[in-house]
Protein backbone atom coordinates (compact mmCIF):
# COMPACT_ATOMS: atom_id res chain seq x y z
CA MET A 1 175.30 124.24 114.68
CA THR A 2 172.28 122.64 115.83
CA THR A 3 169.19 123.43 113.58
CA PHE A 4 165.78 122.36 114.23
CA PHE A 5 164.06 120.68 111.56
CA ASN A 6 160.22 122.06 111.05
CA PRO A 7 158.59 120.75 107.91
CA LYS A 8 155.09 122.07 107.37
CA LEU A 9 152.38 120.00 105.21
CA ALA A 10 151.77 121.94 102.29
CA HIS A 11 149.66 119.93 99.72
CA LEU A 12 148.16 116.53 98.91
CA GLY A 13 148.23 114.44 96.04
CA ILE A 14 145.30 112.13 94.80
CA PHE A 15 144.78 109.73 92.07
CA CYS A 16 141.56 110.28 90.34
CA LYS A 17 139.09 108.23 88.59
CA ASP A 18 137.63 111.38 86.84
CA LEU A 19 140.40 114.24 86.54
CA ASP A 20 138.25 116.50 84.74
CA ALA A 21 135.11 116.32 87.02
CA MET A 22 137.40 116.65 90.14
CA ILE A 23 139.04 119.76 88.59
CA ASP A 24 135.60 121.29 87.85
CA PHE A 25 134.55 120.37 91.52
CA TYR A 26 137.55 121.80 93.47
CA THR A 27 137.77 125.09 91.24
CA ARG A 28 133.96 125.57 91.48
CA GLU A 29 133.16 124.76 95.08
CA PHE A 30 136.71 126.01 96.71
CA GLY A 31 137.75 128.77 94.24
CA MET A 32 140.74 126.99 93.53
CA ILE A 33 142.59 127.75 90.41
CA ILE A 34 144.85 125.57 87.87
CA SER A 35 148.37 126.62 88.60
CA ASP A 36 149.57 124.09 85.98
CA ALA A 37 148.39 121.04 84.02
CA GLY A 38 149.70 118.36 81.67
CA LEU A 39 151.38 115.30 81.29
CA GLY A 40 153.90 114.06 83.84
CA LYS A 41 155.78 110.76 85.13
CA SER A 42 154.06 109.31 88.23
CA GLY A 43 155.07 106.60 90.64
CA LYS A 44 158.29 104.33 90.45
CA ALA A 45 157.22 103.06 87.22
CA GLY A 46 157.26 106.55 85.62
CA ILE A 47 153.98 105.86 84.01
CA GLN A 48 152.54 109.20 82.00
CA ARG A 49 149.48 110.43 83.56
CA ARG A 50 147.47 113.51 82.94
CA GLY A 51 147.30 115.84 86.09
CA ALA A 52 146.60 119.43 87.22
CA PHE A 53 147.87 121.46 90.16
CA LEU A 54 145.34 123.51 92.08
CA THR A 55 145.79 126.28 94.56
CA ALA A 56 143.64 128.83 96.40
CA ASP A 57 147.05 130.39 98.22
CA PRO A 58 149.10 132.65 95.99
CA GLY A 59 152.08 131.32 98.04
CA GLU A 60 151.90 127.79 97.32
CA HIS A 61 152.03 126.50 93.61
CA HIS A 62 149.70 123.79 94.42
CA GLN A 63 147.71 122.62 97.52
CA LEU A 64 145.87 119.77 95.43
CA ALA A 65 147.79 117.50 92.94
CA LEU A 66 145.22 115.89 90.96
CA ILE A 67 146.32 112.95 89.01
CA GLU A 68 144.39 110.56 86.59
CA GLY A 69 144.98 106.68 87.25
CA ARG A 70 142.67 105.60 89.78
CA GLU A 71 140.72 102.71 88.53
CA PRO A 72 136.81 103.10 88.39
CA GLY A 73 135.11 100.90 91.36
CA THR A 74 138.21 101.24 93.45
CA PRO A 75 137.42 103.00 96.97
CA PRO A 76 139.25 106.12 98.01
CA THR A 77 142.39 105.82 99.99
CA THR A 78 141.65 108.86 102.09
CA ALA A 79 139.77 108.89 105.13
CA GLN A 80 139.31 112.67 104.78
CA ILE A 81 140.54 115.77 103.24
CA SER A 82 139.61 118.77 105.39
CA PHE A 83 139.42 122.71 104.91
CA VAL A 84 139.10 125.08 107.51
CA ILE A 85 136.78 128.11 107.09
CA PRO A 86 137.17 131.23 109.37
CA SER A 87 133.77 131.06 111.36
CA LEU A 88 130.69 129.20 112.24
CA SER A 89 128.70 131.63 110.26
CA GLU A 90 130.74 131.11 107.09
CA LEU A 91 129.93 127.19 107.81
CA ARG A 92 126.35 127.93 108.03
CA ALA A 93 126.29 129.78 104.91
CA PHE A 94 128.33 126.80 103.21
CA TRP A 95 125.71 124.51 104.59
CA VAL A 96 122.91 126.44 102.67
CA HIS A 97 125.11 126.40 99.55
CA VAL A 98 125.62 122.39 100.02
CA LYS A 99 121.74 121.91 100.45
CA GLU A 100 120.90 124.15 97.45
CA THR A 101 123.40 122.40 95.00
CA GLY A 102 122.76 118.84 96.09
CA ILE A 103 126.22 117.98 97.15
CA PRO A 104 126.26 114.69 98.82
CA VAL A 105 126.60 115.15 102.63
CA GLN A 106 127.92 112.05 104.88
CA VAL A 107 127.29 113.73 108.16
CA VAL A 108 127.18 117.16 110.14
CA LYS A 109 129.14 117.13 113.56
CA ASN A 110 129.81 119.09 116.53
CA HIS A 111 133.24 118.09 117.77
CA GLY A 112 133.19 120.60 120.77
CA ASN A 113 136.41 121.94 119.31
CA ALA A 114 135.16 122.51 115.79
CA TRP A 115 131.99 122.11 113.99
CA SER A 116 131.86 120.11 110.80
CA ILE A 117 130.26 119.30 107.43
CA TYR A 118 131.20 115.91 105.68
CA ILE A 119 130.73 115.97 101.83
CA GLU A 120 132.01 113.92 99.03
CA ASP A 121 133.92 115.13 96.08
CA PRO A 122 133.00 113.50 92.45
CA ASP A 123 135.56 110.60 93.29
CA GLY A 124 133.90 109.76 96.40
CA ASN A 125 136.71 111.09 98.72
CA MET A 126 135.23 112.44 102.05
CA LEU A 127 135.93 116.36 102.45
CA GLU A 128 135.57 117.88 105.90
CA ILE A 129 134.61 121.52 105.82
CA TYR A 130 135.02 123.04 109.47
CA ALA A 131 135.17 125.91 111.45
CA HIS A 132 137.25 126.22 114.95
CA ALA A 133 135.47 126.51 118.07
CA ASP A 134 136.89 128.38 120.86
CA TYR A 135 137.77 125.41 122.98
CA TYR A 136 139.83 122.41 123.41
CA VAL A 137 137.71 119.21 123.90
CA SER A 138 139.15 115.48 124.22
CA GLN A 139 138.72 113.91 120.77
CA PRO A 140 137.32 111.56 119.16
CA LEU A 141 133.97 113.30 119.82
CA GLY A 142 131.21 113.93 117.10
CA GLU A 143 127.61 114.91 118.34
CA PRO A 144 125.07 115.56 115.70
CA LEU A 145 124.75 119.03 114.67
CA ASN A 146 121.98 120.87 112.89
CA LEU A 147 123.32 123.89 111.10
CA ASP A 148 120.00 125.16 110.53
CA ASP A 149 119.70 125.85 114.16
CA SER A 150 120.76 129.63 115.36
CA GLU A 151 124.38 130.31 115.94
CA GLU A 152 123.22 131.18 119.52
CA GLU A 153 121.68 127.55 119.94
CA ILE A 154 124.87 125.90 118.16
CA LEU A 155 127.26 127.93 120.48
CA GLN A 156 125.15 126.95 123.60
CA GLN A 157 125.18 123.13 122.34
CA THR A 158 128.86 123.51 122.24
CA GLU A 159 129.22 125.09 125.63
CA GLU A 160 127.05 121.94 127.09
CA LEU A 161 129.96 119.78 125.39
CA VAL A 162 132.77 121.73 126.79
CA ALA A 163 131.01 121.56 130.23
CA SER A 164 130.95 117.90 130.12
CA ASP A 165 134.71 117.21 129.59
CA PRO A 166 136.86 117.82 132.60
CA LYS A 167 139.69 118.20 130.20
CA ALA A 168 138.19 120.96 128.28
CA ARG A 169 139.94 124.31 128.18
CA PRO A 170 140.23 127.53 125.81
CA ARG A 171 141.46 126.68 122.64
CA ALA A 172 144.51 129.30 122.91
CA GLU A 173 145.53 127.62 126.23
CA TRP A 174 145.56 124.18 124.39
CA MET A 175 147.50 125.79 121.48
CA ALA A 176 150.07 127.20 123.62
CA GLU A 177 150.49 123.49 125.21
CA GLN A 178 150.82 122.15 121.62
CA ALA A 179 153.31 124.52 120.44
CA ALA A 180 155.58 123.61 123.52
CA LYS A 181 155.13 120.03 122.86
CA ILE A 182 156.01 120.53 119.21
CA GLU A 183 159.08 122.55 119.96
CA ALA A 184 160.16 119.75 122.42
CA ALA A 185 159.55 117.04 119.79
CA ARG A 186 161.43 118.62 116.72
CA PRO A 187 164.42 116.62 115.74
CA LYS A 188 167.62 118.42 116.15
CA LEU A 189 169.90 118.14 113.08
CA ASN A 190 173.57 118.92 113.06
CA PHE A 191 174.12 120.85 109.68
CA GLN A 192 174.83 124.35 108.69
CA LEU A 193 172.20 126.41 106.85
CA ALA A 194 173.98 128.01 103.71
């Protein structure tokens, strides 16, 4: 019997400089809870390190595994960690929160296919908080975005970006194309499911 192998990315592990500050940040800013915490063996050397498992999804034991052990002064090894939210209006509300709380902001962008705020966590990892737009637009694309503009102004700016890309199309159409490509690319393995 041929079975399709279809793994889904479920969580991310990060070595932290300041584990307690990271736990506080992700529980406070993203509503995550600690599902487990304690000492565990990490890496090939099996070094015991303190860690915490955080989740905001009751179906996932953890979405973030935060583990102490990153040396102070070392740069982050992640390019970005991204969190999707449901709408532009929620992104704009989060923007107000970011300004009020002083969370460090790297940049705010209109990607045409999404609107993004890039902030830093306490360890200096770049986080992208974004909402999908209704379009596919060729990437990379990152025009400046002012989330203090009205939602109507932002949507108009996005429509102008879309109009300038001959490959642009509705997001639903692009998603259907991607689904077909993913299905065709799945490894076909010969094993029996129990």
